[in-house]
Amino acid sequence: MTELKTLQKLNPMLDLRDINDPVFLRYAKVLNYDDFLSYADYLDQKTHMPEMNNQYIADDVRLHQEEHNEELLKHVFGNTPLQFGYVNGYNSSLNALEWHPSPEINIALTPLVLMLGHVDDVKDLTYEVKNIQAFYIPAHSVVMFYPTTLHFSPCKVSDAGFKCGVILPYGTNMAFTSKEEKMEKNDPLLFKTNKWLIAHHENKTVIELGAHAGLIGENLKIIYKG
């Protein structure tokens, strides 16, 4: 039985699909992993797993020294200055959904699951979890989210956790939005620079940091072993 089949069997309440499924194209597209080999080698050899939870580095200056497919990145991001980061960890729950008015590239060194949504389904500062679409991302895969795609942390599919590179326009996620700015802009979902976020009420950490609790339904969790 493949890992995807096992995950589907263990998570019957979740619509979990392969990234080659046509439905994936509503949320993202698959890029060529060979264009990100230096990035992947860096993740493998020079980044570490945290003791628990996740470690998110928005921009690792050492990654700027690695070889990148500049033409591809210019095409994806339209000549925008970029940050090269990563998230390593052990998350297995939905917890929140975020989006940016720009693409995002994820480089999956390890297999993982992404729970995705569409910004069109955000209504009155809320999102119904029943609309979540989950995808199994094989190791050594690269995906590009569209600006309309809701996403958050990858979910692990083994005790070893996951390693995932993250490329975004420079400045994304680097500074929190103050309560005063949210009120001034009448935008309670603006959480950080270039980042809008809706949290699940169980995610006390981001709520205490000012996130709006607007995910309606279960805080979905990926089960990977019986």
Foldseek 3Di string as FASTA:
>chain_A
DDLQVLLCVVCVLAQEEACVPPVVVVWWHWDALVQCVQVLVCLVPPDDEDPAAKDWDFADPVVVVTDGPVVVVCVQFVPFAKGKIKMWHAAFWQFKKKFFQGKKKKFWQAKWKWWKAFQVQQDPNAHESSRIHMYIDHHSIMIMTHRGMITDDTHDQDPRTTMMMMMDGPQPPPAADDPVNCVVVVNQQRGGVRMGMEGDPVNVPSVVSRHHHHYPDDRDGRDNDD
